[in-house]
């Protein structure tokens, strides 16, 4: 595990394949926010940006006067069944909170990573962001795809391209600890 944050800049390439679950990264460059409705629309109508090396941030930001006021992650598991086509088109990273399922873990193998940002830190995230554009604005502020430029957003690799998953490790550890403590009672 790296002690100094790995500096990443979009569009991402094969450098993400060298990251390991638990690594700290700082991401700069363009990302695209997308929640459920945006994923469904992209699947039906096409991806409105070049997906090669792109990063999708599971987020419904608060935007005022083309400024990001808050941009905390939404629960990524909601996009478990909606993310595969983006990875198939070259998306290299997904950002969110809470991790994603086994299917996405498999889809990321040898292709990309899942990056975690701490929930509850929406205002902190906004300090690293500048609005550059928007797609599907008719979906509303939270569901539109916002084009956001990041400046060294701190993240942790939650799922790597080798199939390692910090979230699954926590679940397994909790099950083990619960089982051990239960036997002692």
C-alpha atoms as a PDB file:
ATOM      1  CA  UNK A   1       0.000   0.000   0.000  1.00  0.00           C
ATOM      2  CA  UNK A   2       1.373   3.420  -0.979  1.00  0.00           C
ATOM      3  CA  UNK A   3       1.983   5.935   1.817  1.00  0.00           C
ATOM      4  CA  UNK A   4       2.077   9.014  -0.419  1.00  0.00           C
ATOM      5  CA  UNK A   5      -0.986   9.672  -2.576  1.00  0.00           C
ATOM      6  CA  UNK A   6      -0.636   8.529  -6.172  1.00  0.00           C
ATOM      7  CA  UNK A   7      -1.256  11.472  -8.494  1.00  0.00           C
ATOM      8  CA  UNK A   8      -3.759  10.647 -11.234  1.00  0.00           C
ATOM      9  CA  UNK A   9      -5.001  12.844 -14.063  1.00  0.00           C
ATOM     10  CA  UNK A  10      -7.852  12.129 -16.445  1.00  0.00           C
ATOM     11  CA  UNK A  11      -8.234  10.629 -18.924  1.00  0.00           C
ATOM     12  CA  UNK A  12      -6.920   7.592 -17.092  1.00  0.00           C
ATOM     13  CA  UNK A  13      -4.935   4.858 -18.746  1.00  0.00           C
ATOM     14  CA  UNK A  14      -3.265   1.639 -17.709  1.00  0.00           C
ATOM     15  CA  UNK A  15      -1.679   3.320 -14.681  1.00  0.00           C
ATOM     16  CA  UNK A  16      -4.835   2.488 -12.724  1.00  0.00           C
ATOM     17  CA  UNK A  17      -4.106  -1.204 -13.223  1.00  0.00           C
ATOM     18  CA  UNK A  18      -1.089  -0.782 -10.922  1.00  0.00           C
ATOM     19  CA  UNK A  19      -3.173   0.533  -8.013  1.00  0.00           C
ATOM     20  CA  UNK A  20      -4.098  -1.675  -5.079  1.00  0.00           C
ATOM     21  CA  UNK A  21      -7.076  -1.601  -2.730  1.00  0.00           C
ATOM     22  CA  UNK A  22      -6.196   0.743   0.099  1.00  0.00           C
ATOM     23  CA  UNK A  23      -3.913   3.013  -1.948  1.00  0.00           C
ATOM     24  CA  UNK A  24      -4.450   6.729  -1.496  1.00  0.00           C
ATOM     25  CA  UNK A  25      -4.786   8.769  -4.675  1.00  0.00           C
ATOM     26  CA  UNK A  26      -5.365  12.386  -5.616  1.00  0.00           C
ATOM     27  CA  UNK A  27      -7.399  12.768  -8.778  1.00  0.00           C
ATOM     28  CA  UNK A  28      -7.269  15.781 -11.075  1.00  0.00           C
ATOM     29  CA  UNK A  29      -8.914  16.414 -14.429  1.00  0.00           C
ATOM     30  CA  UNK A  30     -12.416  15.966 -15.804  1.00  0.00           C
ATOM     31  CA  UNK A  31     -14.976  13.651 -14.178  1.00  0.00           C
ATOM     32  CA  UNK A  32     -18.643  13.125 -14.977  1.00  0.00           C
ATOM     33  CA  UNK A  33     -21.284  12.905 -12.271  1.00  0.00           C
ATOM     34  CA  UNK A  34     -23.928  10.256 -12.866  1.00  0.00           C
ATOM     35  CA  UNK A  35     -26.633   8.707 -10.759  1.00  0.00           C
ATOM     36  CA  UNK A  36     -29.366   6.201 -11.641  1.00  0.00           C
ATOM     37  CA  UNK A  37     -31.317   8.266 -14.188  1.00  0.00           C
ATOM     38  CA  UNK A  38     -28.193   9.401 -16.032  1.00  0.00           C
ATOM     39  CA  UNK A  39     -26.990   5.787 -16.320  1.00  0.00           C
ATOM     40  CA  UNK A  40     -30.356   4.665 -17.670  1.00  0.00           C
ATOM     41  CA  UNK A  41     -30.410   7.516 -20.196  1.00  0.00           C
ATOM     42  CA  UNK A  42     -26.847   6.873 -21.362  1.00  0.00           C
ATOM     43  CA  UNK A  43     -27.632   3.204 -21.835  1.00  0.00           C
ATOM     44  CA  UNK A  44     -30.682   4.086 -23.953  1.00  0.00           C
ATOM     45  CA  UNK A  45     -29.397   7.118 -25.879  1.00  0.00           C
ATOM     46  CA  UNK A  46     -25.623   6.824 -25.832  1.00  0.00           C
ATOM     47  CA  UNK A  47     -22.812   8.264 -23.785  1.00  0.00           C
ATOM     48  CA  UNK A  48     -22.611  12.048 -24.415  1.00  0.00           C
ATOM     49  CA  UNK A  49     -18.855  12.264 -23.737  1.00  0.00           C
ATOM     50  CA  UNK A  50     -15.783  10.263 -24.733  1.00  0.00           C
ATOM     51  CA  UNK A  51     -15.771   7.345 -22.273  1.00  0.00           C
ATOM     52  CA  UNK A  52     -12.179   6.239 -23.004  1.00  0.00           C
ATOM     53  CA  UNK A  53     -10.277   6.750 -19.761  1.00  0.00           C
ATOM     54  CA  UNK A  54     -13.205   8.600 -18.226  1.00  0.00           C
ATOM     55  CA  UNK A  55     -14.176   8.702 -14.560  1.00  0.00           C
ATOM     56  CA  UNK A  56     -17.793   8.509 -13.351  1.00  0.00           C
ATOM     57  CA  UNK A  57     -18.567  10.101  -9.981  1.00  0.00           C
ATOM     58  CA  UNK A  58     -21.719   8.709  -8.349  1.00  0.00           C
ATOM     59  CA  UNK A  59     -22.919  12.075  -7.159  1.00  0.00           C
ATOM     60  CA  UNK A  60     -25.847  14.471  -7.355  1.00  0.00           C
ATOM     61  CA  UNK A  61     -24.076  17.776  -6.787  1.00  0.00           C
ATOM     62  CA  UNK A  62     -25.590  21.030  -5.624  1.00  0.00           C
ATOM     63  CA  UNK A  63     -24.748  23.633  -8.261  1.00  0.00           C
ATOM     64  CA  UNK A  64     -25.479  27.356  -7.952  1.00  0.00           C
ATOM     65  CA  UNK A  65     -24.406  29.955 -10.518  1.00  0.00           C
ATOM     66  CA  UNK A  66     -22.151  27.351 -12.163  1.00  0.00           C
ATOM     67  CA  UNK A  67     -20.336  26.760  -8.867  1.00  0.00           C
ATOM     68  CA  UNK A  68     -20.210  23.463  -7.013  1.00  0.00           C
ATOM     69  CA  UNK A  69     -21.659  24.092  -3.545  1.00  0.00           C
ATOM     70  CA  UNK A  70     -21.674  20.468  -2.386  1.00  0.00           C
ATOM     71  CA  UNK A  71     -20.748  17.232  -4.124  1.00  0.00           C
ATOM     72  CA  UNK A  72     -20.761  14.276  -1.802  1.00  0.00           C
ATOM     73  CA  UNK A  73     -20.896  10.744  -3.140  1.00  0.00           C
ATOM     74  CA  UNK A  74     -24.111   8.792  -3.369  1.00  0.00           C
ATOM     75  CA  UNK A  75     -24.377   5.095  -2.568  1.00  0.00           C
ATOM     76  CA  UNK A  76     -22.658   3.350  -5.455  1.00  0.00           C
ATOM     77  CA  UNK A  77     -24.400   0.005  -4.989  1.00  0.00           C
ATOM     78  CA  UNK A  78     -27.453   1.601  -6.606  1.00  0.00           C
ATOM     79  CA  UNK A  79     -25.488   1.502  -9.877  1.00  0.00           C
ATOM     80  CA  UNK A  80     -24.390  -2.158  -9.607  1.00  0.00           C
ATOM     81  CA  UNK A  81     -26.560  -3.249 -12.541  1.00  0.00           C
ATOM     82  CA  UNK A  82     -25.987  -0.040 -14.514  1.00  0.00           C
ATOM     83  CA  UNK A  83     -22.181   0.303 -14.658  1.00  0.00           C
ATOM     84  CA  UNK A  84     -21.055  -2.566 -16.895  1.00  0.00           C
ATOM     85  CA  UNK A  85     -21.771  -0.866 -20.223  1.00  0.00           C
ATOM     86  CA  UNK A  86     -19.675   2.152 -19.173  1.00  0.00           C
ATOM     87  CA  UNK A  87     -16.718  -0.065 -18.325  1.00  0.00           C
ATOM     88  CA  UNK A  88     -17.232  -1.876 -21.652  1.00  0.00           C
ATOM     89  CA  UNK A  89     -16.882   1.508 -23.401  1.00  0.00           C
ATOM     90  CA  UNK A  90     -13.581   2.366 -21.695  1.00  0.00           C
ATOM     91  CA  UNK A  91     -14.479   4.079 -18.414  1.00  0.00           C
ATOM     92  CA  UNK A  92     -11.489   3.460 -16.118  1.00  0.00           C
ATOM     93  CA  UNK A  93     -12.785   4.519 -12.694  1.00  0.00           C
ATOM     94  CA  UNK A  94     -15.950   4.862 -10.678  1.00  0.00           C
ATOM     95  CA  UNK A  95     -16.114   7.100  -7.593  1.00  0.00           C
ATOM     96  CA  UNK A  96     -18.658   6.814  -4.815  1.00  0.00           C
ATOM     97  CA  UNK A  97     -19.292   5.579  -1.315  1.00  0.00           C
ATOM     98  CA  UNK A  98     -20.064   2.221   0.199  1.00  0.00           C
ATOM     99  CA  UNK A  99     -18.507   0.031  -2.469  1.00  0.00           C
ATOM    100  CA  UNK A 100     -20.174  -1.988  -5.196  1.00  0.00           C
ATOM    101  CA  UNK A 101     -21.171  -5.614  -5.679  1.00  0.00           C
ATOM    102  CA  UNK A 102     -19.311  -8.718  -6.787  1.00  0.00           C
ATOM    103  CA  UNK A 103     -20.463  -8.254 -10.383  1.00  0.00           C
ATOM    104  CA  UNK A 104     -18.788  -4.837 -10.643  1.00  0.00           C
ATOM    105  CA  UNK A 105     -15.701  -6.196  -8.870  1.00  0.00           C
ATOM    106  CA  UNK A 106     -15.433  -8.780 -11.663  1.00  0.00           C
ATOM    107  CA  UNK A 107     -16.110  -6.181 -14.374  1.00  0.00           C
ATOM    108  CA  UNK A 108     -13.274  -4.010 -13.033  1.00  0.00           C
ATOM    109  CA  UNK A 109     -10.696  -6.798 -13.276  1.00  0.00           C
ATOM    110  CA  UNK A 110      -7.863  -5.796 -15.604  1.00  0.00           C
ATOM    111  CA  UNK A 111      -9.854  -2.679 -16.636  1.00  0.00           C
ATOM    112  CA  UNK A 112     -10.332  -0.174 -13.865  1.00  0.00           C
ATOM    113  CA  UNK A 113     -10.852   0.752 -10.233  1.00  0.00           C
ATOM    114  CA  UNK A 114     -13.496   1.904  -7.790  1.00  0.00           C
ATOM    115  CA  UNK A 115     -12.414   4.953  -5.804  1.00  0.00           C
ATOM    116  CA  UNK A 116     -14.048   5.826  -2.499  1.00  0.00           C
ATOM    117  CA  UNK A 117     -14.748   9.281  -1.119  1.00  0.00           C
ATOM    118  CA  UNK A 118     -16.010   9.768   2.411  1.00  0.00           C
ATOM    119  CA  UNK A 119     -19.719  10.364   2.751  1.00  0.00           C
ATOM    120  CA  UNK A 120     -20.648  13.495   4.692  1.00  0.00           C
ATOM    121  CA  UNK A 121     -17.801  15.522   3.177  1.00  0.00           C
ATOM    122  CA  UNK A 122     -19.755  17.153   0.339  1.00  0.00           C
ATOM    123  CA  UNK A 123     -18.548  20.673   1.120  1.00  0.00           C
ATOM    124  CA  UNK A 124     -14.934  19.493   1.306  1.00  0.00           C
ATOM    125  CA  UNK A 125     -15.253  17.809  -2.081  1.00  0.00           C
ATOM    126  CA  UNK A 126     -16.615  21.005  -3.633  1.00  0.00           C
ATOM    127  CA  UNK A 127     -13.396  22.849  -2.735  1.00  0.00           C
ATOM    128  CA  UNK A 128     -11.620  20.653  -5.302  1.00  0.00           C
ATOM    129  CA  UNK A 129     -14.169  21.197  -8.109  1.00  0.00           C
ATOM    130  CA  UNK A 130     -15.010  23.535 -10.971  1.00  0.00           C
ATOM    131  CA  UNK A 131     -18.067  23.141 -13.230  1.00  0.00           C
ATOM    132  CA  UNK A 132     -17.159  22.827 -16.916  1.00  0.00           C
ATOM    133  CA  UNK A 133     -20.491  21.805 -18.456  1.00  0.00           C
ATOM    134  CA  UNK A 134     -23.613  19.675 -18.190  1.00  0.00           C
ATOM    135  CA  UNK A 135     -25.415  16.949 -20.141  1.00  0.00           C
ATOM    136  CA  UNK A 136     -29.032  15.870 -19.697  1.00  0.00           C
ATOM    137  CA  UNK A 137     -29.864  19.022 -17.742  1.00  0.00           C
ATOM    138  CA  UNK A 138     -33.563  18.201 -18.206  1.00  0.00           C
ATOM    139  CA  UNK A 139     -33.115  15.386 -15.653  1.00  0.00           C
ATOM    140  CA  UNK A 140     -32.702  17.998 -12.919  1.00  0.00           C
ATOM    141  CA  UNK A 141     -29.712  19.116 -10.904  1.00  0.00           C
ATOM    142  CA  UNK A 142     -29.134  15.874  -8.988  1.00  0.00           C
ATOM    143  CA  UNK A 143     -29.594  13.499 -11.939  1.00  0.00           C
ATOM    144  CA  UNK A 144     -27.921  15.498 -14.734  1.00  0.00           C
ATOM    145  CA  UNK A 145     -24.400  14.629 -15.841  1.00  0.00           C
ATOM    146  CA  UNK A 146     -22.171  17.451 -14.659  1.00  0.00           C
ATOM    147  CA  UNK A 147     -18.769  17.864 -16.249  1.00  0.00           C
ATOM    148  CA  UNK A 148     -16.505  18.754 -13.346  1.00  0.00           C
ATOM    149  CA  UNK A 149     -12.810  19.499 -13.261  1.00  0.00           C
ATOM    150  CA  UNK A 150     -11.111  18.138 -10.159  1.00  0.00           C
ATOM    151  CA  UNK A 151      -8.017  19.549  -8.506  1.00  0.00           C
ATOM    152  CA  UNK A 152      -6.347  16.886  -6.350  1.00  0.00           C
ATOM    153  CA  UNK A 153      -9.470  15.280  -4.878  1.00  0.00           C
ATOM    154  CA  UNK A 154      -8.288  12.816  -2.194  1.00  0.00           C
ATOM    155  CA  UNK A 155      -9.644   9.285  -2.673  1.00  0.00           C
ATOM    156  CA  UNK A 156      -8.948   5.715  -1.579  1.00  0.00           C
ATOM    157  CA  UNK A 157      -8.876   2.731  -3.925  1.00  0.00           C
ATOM    158  CA  UNK A 158     -11.787   0.644  -2.671  1.00  0.00           C
ATOM    159  CA  UNK A 159     -11.713  -1.992  -5.420  1.00  0.00           C
ATOM    160  CA  UNK A 160      -8.718  -2.615  -7.626  1.00  0.00           C
ATOM    161  CA  UNK A 161      -8.190  -4.240 -11.005  1.00  0.00           C
ATOM    162  CA  UNK A 162      -7.023  -7.476  -9.310  1.00  0.00           C
ATOM    163  CA  UNK A 163     -10.384  -8.176  -7.647  1.00  0.00           C
ATOM    164  CA  UNK A 164      -9.383  -6.896  -4.206  1.00  0.00           C
ATOM    165  CA  UNK A 165     -12.219  -5.161  -2.375  1.00  0.00           C
ATOM    166  CA  UNK A 166     -11.803  -3.208   0.877  1.00  0.00           C
ATOM    167  CA  UNK A 167     -15.543  -3.224   1.496  1.00  0.00           C
ATOM    168  CA  UNK A 168     -15.828  -6.997   1.152  1.00  0.00           C
ATOM    169  CA  UNK A 169     -12.873  -7.423   3.528  1.00  0.00           C
ATOM    170  CA  UNK A 170     -14.668  -5.320   6.145  1.00  0.00           C
ATOM    171  CA  UNK A 171     -17.848  -7.365   5.737  1.00  0.00           C
ATOM    172  CA  UNK A 172     -15.944 -10.650   6.083  1.00  0.00           C
ATOM    173  CA  UNK A 173     -14.021  -9.349   9.095  1.00  0.00           C
ATOM    174  CA  UNK A 174     -17.251  -8.206  10.763  1.00  0.00           C
ATOM    175  CA  UNK A 175     -18.857 -11.599  10.152  1.00  0.00           C
ATOM    176  CA  UNK A 176     -15.818 -13.316  11.614  1.00  0.00           C
ATOM    177  CA  UNK A 177     -15.666 -11.008  14.655  1.00  0.00           C
ATOM    178  CA  UNK A 178     -19.400 -11.343  15.247  1.00  0.00           C
ATOM    179  CA  UNK A 179     -19.138 -15.111  15.014  1.00  0.00           C
ATOM    180  CA  UNK A 180     -16.152 -15.224  17.401  1.00  0.00           C
ATOM    181  CA  UNK A 181     -17.802 -12.956  19.969  1.00  0.00           C
ATOM    182  CA  UNK A 182     -21.084 -14.806  19.710  1.00  0.00           C
ATOM    183  CA  UNK A 183     -19.389 -18.102  20.588  1.00  0.00           C
ATOM    184  CA  UNK A 184     -17.874 -16.572  23.739  1.00  0.00           C
ATOM    185  CA  UNK A 185     -21.223 -15.466  25.144  1.00  0.00           C
END
